[in-house]
């Protein structure tokens, strides 16, 4: 039983073919610059194994169909393919950004689901159209394989109104559906389940704070397996300081800057989403570069590092206040899994909240879930995320009913 997972962007397709009997990746890759000159396809057969074979193709792709057709040729190639024919693909699982309040769980894609995805394009103008394009490509190329939508927002739909509503005039929620939706949901769901398993507990009996820290960052408060709060809001801009996103700021800053700088709404949106965060403070948004700059005495790099850690720490404190007793603080994603400096800075001076990490355990690099807490501490875990596997698992669950 092979599930093809597709994450379609406006000019890209990220894909992975997963054998669900063994839950292993047969191949994975990325088609880039679709519709532009300088297209590129990077394909890895049997990734993360000794038998890995990497193929890089420089080729222009007119549209998503052309890109996906080339992917099919690679995965079914008689010499190097991982399956004999595309008929061996059981289903296609799609990462979809936003289903709003109408789609609260993964589902088999039909015309109604596609219409809902279209309806929420104003709230997800970059992602929802691209996700829809990926679905339509799959329907054309894999007519035998049902498509399943797995939505970034669905894990957060268990939040109560007191958590997801903004204190704006209530009619703005009724008329414009302005509320907190939350994102990175597939990662938060996968990681919270994996943390419960690592702790030897049922997910329904496990309460954790999940810190998904990458170029995009979000946190969730998960009580007894259900999300009760999350940092991202109507869009992925709210919450933590990120690679290029500002996260939480005083809303009055927006009209103030627009008036003083003569910015249009689109220009202000670009400033907050693409020119702020770590990049805005120190000119760098890759944490590895920031650490290298810190070591050379770069004061702004040090400031950016401390600002990011400070904001994560603040949310941990607020989420513990909401949740009460927690079983673990969980770090995941690129920075969360690999940056021992950030984890140490976040957890520093939190002994009064029962949180202490073991310095040596924190330095260990591993692709497996691990406990980095000191004895007697609230558990502090590092749990690698696997959003593609979560999407594939949800796809199978939907189709099996």
Protein backbone atom coordinates (compact mmCIF):
# COMPACT_ATOMS: atom_id res chain seq x y z
CA UNK A 1 0.00 0.00 0.00
CA UNK A 2 1.81 3.07 -1.30
CA UNK A 3 0.64 6.61 -0.53
CA UNK A 4 1.96 9.56 -2.49
CA UNK A 5 2.12 12.68 -0.33
CA UNK A 6 2.01 16.01 -2.18
CA UNK A 7 2.69 19.47 -0.77
CA UNK A 8 1.99 21.79 -3.68
CA UNK A 9 3.24 25.37 -3.59
CA UNK A 10 2.61 28.21 -6.00
CA UNK A 11 5.73 27.31 -8.01
CA UNK A 12 6.80 24.02 -6.45
CA UNK A 13 5.77 20.46 -5.62
CA UNK A 14 7.26 18.65 -2.65
CA UNK A 15 6.48 14.95 -2.75
CA UNK A 16 7.16 11.67 -0.99
CA UNK A 17 6.05 8.12 -1.76
CA UNK A 18 5.57 6.07 1.40
CA UNK A 19 5.05 2.32 1.74
CA UNK A 20 2.43 2.19 4.49
CA UNK A 21 3.02 -1.45 5.34
CA UNK A 22 6.49 -0.57 6.62
CA UNK A 23 5.96 3.21 6.94
CA UNK A 24 9.19 3.77 5.03
CA UNK A 25 9.91 6.34 2.34
CA UNK A 26 10.45 4.88 -1.12
CA UNK A 27 11.37 8.22 -2.64
CA UNK A 28 11.11 11.93 -1.99
CA UNK A 29 11.80 15.07 -3.93
CA UNK A 30 11.11 18.63 -4.90
CA UNK A 31 10.12 20.27 -8.18
CA UNK A 32 11.10 23.96 -8.13
CA UNK A 33 10.47 27.11 -10.17
CA UNK A 34 7.39 25.73 -11.96
CA UNK A 35 6.30 28.22 -14.61
CA UNK A 36 9.65 30.03 -14.56
CA UNK A 37 12.99 29.66 -16.28
CA UNK A 38 15.59 27.66 -14.38
CA UNK A 39 13.32 24.84 -13.26
CA UNK A 40 14.84 22.06 -11.19
CA UNK A 41 13.81 18.61 -9.95
CA UNK A 42 15.68 16.97 -7.07
CA UNK A 43 14.71 13.34 -6.55
CA UNK A 44 15.96 10.88 -3.93
CA UNK A 45 15.16 7.18 -4.19
CA UNK A 46 15.24 5.30 -0.88
CA UNK A 47 16.16 8.38 1.16
CA UNK A 48 17.73 7.98 4.60
CA UNK A 49 19.15 4.56 3.71
CA UNK A 50 22.52 3.32 2.54
CA UNK A 51 20.93 2.66 -0.86
CA UNK A 52 19.96 6.31 -1.41
CA UNK A 53 20.27 7.51 -4.98
CA UNK A 54 19.98 11.22 -5.77
CA UNK A 55 19.03 12.58 -9.18
CA UNK A 56 19.06 16.29 -10.06
CA UNK A 57 17.39 17.41 -13.28
CA UNK A 58 17.63 20.95 -14.63
CA UNK A 59 14.51 21.40 -16.74
CA UNK A 60 11.81 24.02 -17.18
CA UNK A 61 8.28 22.98 -16.24
CA UNK A 62 5.40 24.88 -17.82
CA UNK A 63 2.96 23.95 -15.07
CA UNK A 64 2.34 21.57 -12.16
CA UNK A 65 1.12 18.83 -14.51
CA UNK A 66 4.40 18.88 -16.42
CA UNK A 67 6.39 18.74 -13.18
CA UNK A 68 4.37 15.85 -11.79
CA UNK A 69 4.55 13.90 -15.06
CA UNK A 70 8.35 14.04 -14.82
CA UNK A 71 8.15 12.78 -11.25
CA UNK A 72 6.01 9.83 -12.38
CA UNK A 73 8.63 8.99 -15.02
CA UNK A 74 11.32 8.91 -12.35
CA UNK A 75 9.46 6.78 -9.83
CA UNK A 76 8.43 4.24 -12.50
CA UNK A 77 11.71 4.21 -14.43
CA UNK A 78 12.52 0.57 -15.42
CA UNK A 79 16.10 0.88 -14.19
CA UNK A 80 15.95 3.17 -11.15
CA UNK A 81 12.26 3.51 -10.30
CA UNK A 82 10.81 2.44 -6.96
CA UNK A 83 7.53 1.08 -8.39
CA UNK A 84 6.72 -0.53 -11.74
CA UNK A 85 3.65 1.49 -12.59
CA UNK A 86 1.70 4.41 -11.15
CA UNK A 87 -1.21 2.01 -10.60
CA UNK A 88 0.77 0.85 -7.54
CA UNK A 89 -0.08 4.18 -5.86
CA UNK A 90 -3.02 3.44 -3.54
CA UNK A 91 -3.92 7.04 -2.72
CA UNK A 92 -2.64 10.62 -2.78
CA UNK A 93 -2.49 12.63 0.45
CA UNK A 94 -2.43 16.40 0.10
CA UNK A 95 -1.23 18.99 2.55
CA UNK A 96 -3.82 21.79 2.44
CA UNK A 97 -3.35 25.00 4.39
CA UNK A 98 -6.82 26.13 5.36
CA UNK A 99 -10.22 24.50 5.62
CA UNK A 100 -11.65 27.05 8.04
CA UNK A 101 -14.51 25.94 10.25
CA UNK A 102 -16.15 23.89 7.50
CA UNK A 103 -13.43 21.22 7.31
CA UNK A 104 -12.35 20.09 10.74
CA UNK A 105 -10.79 16.72 9.89
CA UNK A 106 -9.04 14.98 7.01
CA UNK A 107 -11.41 13.90 4.26
CA UNK A 108 -11.65 12.41 0.81
CA UNK A 109 -11.56 15.23 -1.71
CA UNK A 110 -14.75 15.81 -3.65
CA UNK A 111 -16.27 18.83 -5.38
CA UNK A 112 -17.61 20.21 -2.08
CA UNK A 113 -14.16 20.03 -0.46
CA UNK A 114 -12.57 21.79 -3.45
CA UNK A 115 -15.18 24.53 -3.22
CA UNK A 116 -14.38 25.04 0.49
CA UNK A 117 -10.68 25.31 -0.34
CA UNK A 118 -11.57 27.95 -2.95
CA UNK A 119 -13.78 29.77 -0.46
CA UNK A 120 -10.87 30.21 1.95
CA UNK A 121 -8.45 31.55 -0.68
CA UNK A 122 -8.83 35.11 0.74
CA UNK A 123 -7.40 33.86 4.06
CA UNK A 124 -4.74 31.68 2.40
CA UNK A 125 -4.01 33.51 -0.88
CA UNK A 126 -0.58 31.91 -1.44
CA UNK A 127 -1.23 28.37 -0.28
CA UNK A 128 -4.85 27.39 -0.93
CA UNK A 129 -4.73 28.00 -4.73
CA UNK A 130 -1.49 26.02 -4.96
CA UNK A 131 -2.88 23.20 -2.81
CA UNK A 132 -5.93 23.07 -5.07
CA UNK A 133 -3.66 22.91 -8.12
CA UNK A 134 -1.89 19.90 -6.58
CA UNK A 135 -5.23 18.16 -6.07
CA UNK A 136 -6.28 18.76 -9.67
CA UNK A 137 -2.93 17.47 -10.95
CA UNK A 138 -3.36 14.29 -8.91
CA UNK A 139 -6.90 13.81 -10.20
CA UNK A 140 -5.61 14.05 -13.77
CA UNK A 141 -2.52 11.86 -13.41
CA UNK A 142 -3.80 9.32 -10.86
CA UNK A 143 -7.51 8.89 -11.65
CA UNK A 144 -7.49 5.47 -9.98
CA UNK A 145 -6.13 6.83 -6.67
CA UNK A 146 -8.43 8.82 -4.37
CA UNK A 147 -7.14 12.15 -3.09
CA UNK A 148 -7.35 12.96 0.62
CA UNK A 149 -6.93 16.45 2.05
CA UNK A 150 -5.07 16.83 5.34
CA UNK A 151 -5.42 20.38 6.60
CA UNK A 152 -2.89 22.45 8.52
CA UNK A 153 -5.72 23.89 10.58
CA UNK A 154 -7.61 20.74 11.55
CA UNK A 155 -5.62 19.76 14.66
CA UNK A 156 -6.38 23.15 16.18
CA UNK A 157 -10.14 22.93 15.69
CA UNK A 158 -10.55 21.59 19.24
CA UNK A 159 -9.69 25.02 20.68
CA UNK A 160 -12.54 26.56 22.70
CA UNK A 161 -14.03 29.93 21.65
CA UNK A 162 -12.21 31.74 24.47
CA UNK A 163 -8.95 30.69 22.80
CA UNK A 164 -9.74 31.12 19.12
CA UNK A 165 -11.79 34.33 19.14
CA UNK A 166 -10.23 37.78 18.95
CA UNK A 167 -11.67 40.62 21.08
CA UNK A 168 -12.91 42.48 18.02
CA UNK A 169 -16.57 43.30 17.26
CA UNK A 170 -18.27 39.90 17.18
CA UNK A 171 -19.78 40.56 13.75
CA UNK A 172 -16.26 40.46 12.28
CA UNK A 173 -16.15 36.80 13.26
CA UNK A 174 -19.66 36.17 11.94
CA UNK A 175 -19.22 38.05 8.67
CA UNK A 176 -15.52 37.65 7.86
CA UNK A 177 -14.65 34.49 9.85
CA UNK A 178 -11.82 36.32 11.60
CA UNK A 179 -10.52 34.01 14.32
CA UNK A 180 -7.44 32.03 15.28
CA UNK A 181 -7.07 28.98 13.03
CA UNK A 182 -3.52 27.88 13.78
CA UNK A 183 -1.10 26.16 11.41
CA UNK A 184 1.61 23.45 11.35
CA UNK A 185 -1.22 21.19 12.52
CA UNK A 186 0.11 17.98 10.97
CA UNK A 187 3.41 18.46 12.77
CA UNK A 188 1.79 19.28 16.11
CA UNK A 189 -0.48 16.22 15.86
CA UNK A 190 2.35 13.86 14.87
CA UNK A 191 4.73 15.15 17.53
CA UNK A 192 2.18 15.16 20.36
CA UNK A 193 1.25 11.54 19.50
CA UNK A 194 4.92 10.53 19.29
CA UNK A 195 5.68 12.22 22.63
CA UNK A 196 2.85 10.29 24.30
CA UNK A 197 4.18 7.04 22.84
CA UNK A 198 7.71 7.86 24.02
CA UNK A 199 6.39 8.52 27.52
CA UNK A 200 4.50 5.21 27.49
CA UNK A 201 1.11 6.91 27.79
CA UNK A 202 -2.08 7.06 25.76
CA UNK A 203 -2.37 10.34 23.87
CA UNK A 204 -5.72 10.91 25.61
CA UNK A 205 -3.87 10.92 28.93
CA UNK A 206 -0.95 13.10 27.85
CA UNK A 207 -0.58 16.87 28.22
CA UNK A 208 2.32 18.59 26.46
CA UNK A 209 3.57 21.92 25.15
CA UNK A 210 4.85 21.44 21.59
CA UNK A 211 7.45 23.88 20.23
CA UNK A 212 7.68 23.61 16.43
CA UNK A 213 10.74 25.74 15.70
CA UNK A 214 11.99 26.17 12.14
CA UNK A 215 12.05 29.07 9.73
CA UNK A 216 8.37 29.19 10.59
CA UNK A 217 7.66 28.74 14.30
CA UNK A 218 4.55 27.83 16.26
CA UNK A 219 3.61 26.33 19.60
CA UNK A 220 0.58 24.45 20.82
CA UNK A 221 -0.89 23.61 24.20
CA UNK A 222 -2.13 20.02 23.96
CA UNK A 223 -4.29 18.73 26.83
CA UNK A 224 -5.18 15.04 26.85
CA UNK A 225 -4.32 14.78 23.17
CA UNK A 226 -6.34 17.79 22.03
CA UNK A 227 -5.14 21.26 21.11
CA UNK A 228 -6.54 23.93 23.43
CA UNK A 229 -4.41 26.84 22.20
CA UNK A 230 -1.81 27.66 19.56
CA UNK A 231 0.36 30.65 18.71
CA UNK A 232 -0.41 31.19 15.03
CA UNK A 233 -3.69 32.92 14.31
CA UNK A 234 -5.81 33.98 11.36
CA UNK A 235 -2.58 33.64 9.36
CA UNK A 236 0.84 32.11 10.08
CA UNK A 237 2.15 35.60 11.00
CA UNK A 238 0.97 35.69 14.61
CA UNK A 239 2.85 34.27 17.57
CA UNK A 240 6.55 33.59 17.87
CA UNK A 241 9.39 35.51 16.26
CA UNK A 242 10.43 33.52 13.16
CA UNK A 243 13.01 33.50 10.41
CA UNK A 244 11.46 36.37 8.46
CA UNK A 245 8.10 36.91 10.24
CA UNK A 246 7.70 39.34 13.12
CA UNK A 247 5.17 37.35 15.16
CA UNK A 248 3.30 39.25 17.87
CA UNK A 249 3.55 43.03 17.64
CA UNK A 250 1.40 45.96 18.78
CA UNK A 251 -1.30 46.20 16.06
CA UNK A 252 -1.05 50.00 16.16
CA UNK A 253 2.43 49.68 14.65
CA UNK A 254 0.85 48.72 11.31
CA UNK A 255 -1.09 51.95 10.57
CA UNK A 256 1.71 54.01 12.16
CA UNK A 257 4.35 52.60 9.79
CA UNK A 258 2.03 52.73 6.80
CA UNK A 259 1.34 56.40 7.40
CA UNK A 260 4.92 57.43 8.15
CA UNK A 261 6.54 55.33 5.41
CA UNK A 262 3.75 55.63 2.84
CA UNK A 263 3.39 51.86 2.63
CA UNK A 264 0.55 50.12 0.85
CA UNK A 265 -1.15 47.18 2.62
CA UNK A 266 0.77 44.77 0.36
CA UNK A 267 4.09 46.46 1.18
CA UNK A 268 3.33 46.35 4.92
CA UNK A 269 2.45 42.67 4.61
CA UNK A 270 5.79 42.03 2.91
CA UNK A 271 7.67 43.85 5.67
CA UNK A 272 6.02 41.75 8.41
CA UNK A 273 6.18 38.41 6.62
CA UNK A 274 9.43 38.53 4.66
CA UNK A 275 11.67 41.26 6.12
CA UNK A 276 11.20 40.91 9.87
CA UNK A 277 11.95 38.29 12.53
CA UNK A 278 15.54 37.12 12.79
CA UNK A 279 16.29 38.60 9.37
CA UNK A 280 14.96 42.00 10.36
CA UNK A 281 17.03 42.18 13.54
CA UNK A 282 20.39 40.91 12.35
CA UNK A 283 20.20 40.40 8.58
CA UNK A 284 20.35 36.60 8.88
CA UNK A 285 17.55 34.07 9.11
CA UNK A 286 19.44 30.75 9.17
CA UNK A 287 20.21 29.89 12.79
CA UNK A 288 23.51 28.28 11.80
CA UNK A 289 24.66 31.59 10.32
CA UNK A 290 23.44 33.43 13.39
CA UNK A 291 25.47 31.18 15.71
CA UNK A 292 28.55 31.72 13.54
CA UNK A 293 28.01 35.48 13.77
CA UNK A 294 27.48 35.28 17.55
CA UNK A 295 30.80 33.49 17.95
CA UNK A 296 32.46 36.43 16.17
CA UNK A 297 30.88 38.90 18.59
CA UNK A 298 28.04 40.15 16.40
CA UNK A 299 25.80 42.00 18.85
CA UNK A 300 22.73 42.00 16.61
CA UNK A 301 23.00 38.25 16.01
CA UNK A 302 23.17 37.74 19.77
CA UNK A 303 20.16 40.00 20.24
CA UNK A 304 18.12 38.12 17.61
CA UNK A 305 18.98 34.80 19.28
CA UNK A 306 17.98 36.07 22.72
CA UNK A 307 14.77 37.66 21.44
CA UNK A 308 13.61 34.43 19.84
CA UNK A 309 14.36 32.34 22.92
CA UNK A 310 12.69 34.92 25.19
CA UNK A 311 9.43 34.78 23.25
CA UNK A 312 9.39 30.97 23.24
CA UNK A 313 9.97 31.00 26.99
CA UNK A 314 7.07 33.43 27.50
CA UNK A 315 4.68 31.16 25.65
CA UNK A 316 5.85 28.09 27.56
CA UNK A 317 5.00 29.91 30.79
CA UNK A 318 1.58 30.99 29.55
CA UNK A 319 0.74 27.53 28.25
CA UNK A 320 1.72 25.87 31.52
CA UNK A 321 -0.61 28.35 33.23
CA UNK A 322 -3.42 27.22 30.90
CA UNK A 323 -2.69 23.49 31.08
CA UNK A 324 -1.73 23.06 34.72
CA UNK A 325 0.45 19.98 35.20
CA UNK A 326 2.25 19.05 31.98
CA UNK A 327 3.92 15.79 31.10
CA UNK A 328 6.55 17.33 28.82
CA UNK A 329 7.88 20.30 26.90
CA UNK A 330 8.56 19.02 23.38
CA UNK A 331 10.96 20.54 20.83
CA UNK A 332 10.66 19.69 17.13
CA UNK A 333 11.38 20.89 13.54
CA UNK A 334 14.70 22.16 12.20
CA UNK A 335 15.75 24.42 15.07
CA UNK A 336 13.88 22.52 17.77
CA UNK A 337 15.49 19.20 16.81
CA UNK A 338 19.02 20.35 16.02
CA UNK A 339 19.85 23.54 17.92
CA UNK A 340 21.07 22.69 21.43
CA UNK A 341 21.97 26.36 22.01
CA UNK A 342 18.37 27.48 21.45
CA UNK A 343 16.94 24.70 23.63
CA UNK A 344 19.38 25.58 26.41
CA UNK A 345 18.57 29.29 26.20
CA UNK A 346 14.81 28.64 26.25
CA UNK A 347 15.03 26.36 29.29
CA UNK A 348 17.57 28.47 31.19
CA UNK A 349 16.43 29.74 34.63
CA UNK A 350 13.16 27.79 34.54
CA UNK A 351 13.91 25.67 37.60
CA UNK A 352 11.16 27.49 39.49
CA UNK A 353 8.72 25.93 37.01
CA UNK A 354 10.24 22.49 37.45
CA UNK A 355 12.11 22.60 34.12
CA UNK A 356 15.82 21.75 33.99
CA UNK A 357 17.73 20.20 31.11
CA UNK A 358 20.80 17.97 31.27
CA UNK A 359 23.62 19.79 29.45
CA UNK A 360 25.25 16.64 28.08
CA UNK A 361 21.98 15.04 26.96
CA UNK A 362 21.05 18.29 25.24
CA UNK A 363 24.19 18.14 23.07
CA UNK A 364 23.39 14.69 21.66
CA UNK A 365 22.30 14.59 18.01
CA UNK A 366 19.88 11.83 17.09
CA UNK A 367 17.07 11.12 14.66
CA UNK A 368 15.12 9.39 17.40
CA UNK A 369 12.90 10.85 20.16
CA UNK A 370 14.91 11.54 23.29
CA UNK A 371 14.67 12.94 26.80
CA UNK A 372 17.08 15.81 27.54
CA UNK A 373 15.73 16.73 30.96
CA UNK A 374 17.66 16.49 34.20
CA UNK A 375 16.54 14.19 36.98
CA UNK A 376 13.43 15.39 38.79
CA UNK A 377 12.53 17.85 36.04
CA UNK A 378 9.39 18.08 33.99
CA UNK A 379 10.27 16.00 30.94
CA UNK A 380 11.91 17.95 28.14
CA UNK A 381 11.82 15.96 24.92
CA UNK A 382 13.24 16.30 21.42
CA UNK A 383 10.89 14.55 18.98
CA UNK A 384 11.64 14.63 15.24
CA UNK A 385 8.59 15.59 13.21
CA UNK A 386 7.41 13.73 10.13
CA UNK A 387 4.59 15.65 8.51
CA UNK A 388 4.60 13.50 5.38
CA UNK A 389 4.10 10.30 7.38
CA UNK A 390 1.32 11.98 9.38
CA UNK A 391 -0.42 12.95 6.14
CA UNK A 392 -0.01 9.42 4.77
CA UNK A 393 -1.38 7.88 7.98
CA UNK A 394 -4.36 10.24 7.94
CA UNK A 395 -4.97 9.37 4.28
CA UNK A 396 -5.16 5.65 5.04
CA UNK A 397 -7.40 6.26 8.07
CA UNK A 398 -9.86 8.27 5.96
CA UNK A 399 -10.07 5.69 3.20
CA UNK A 400 -10.42 2.76 5.57
CA UNK A 401 -13.21 4.62 7.36
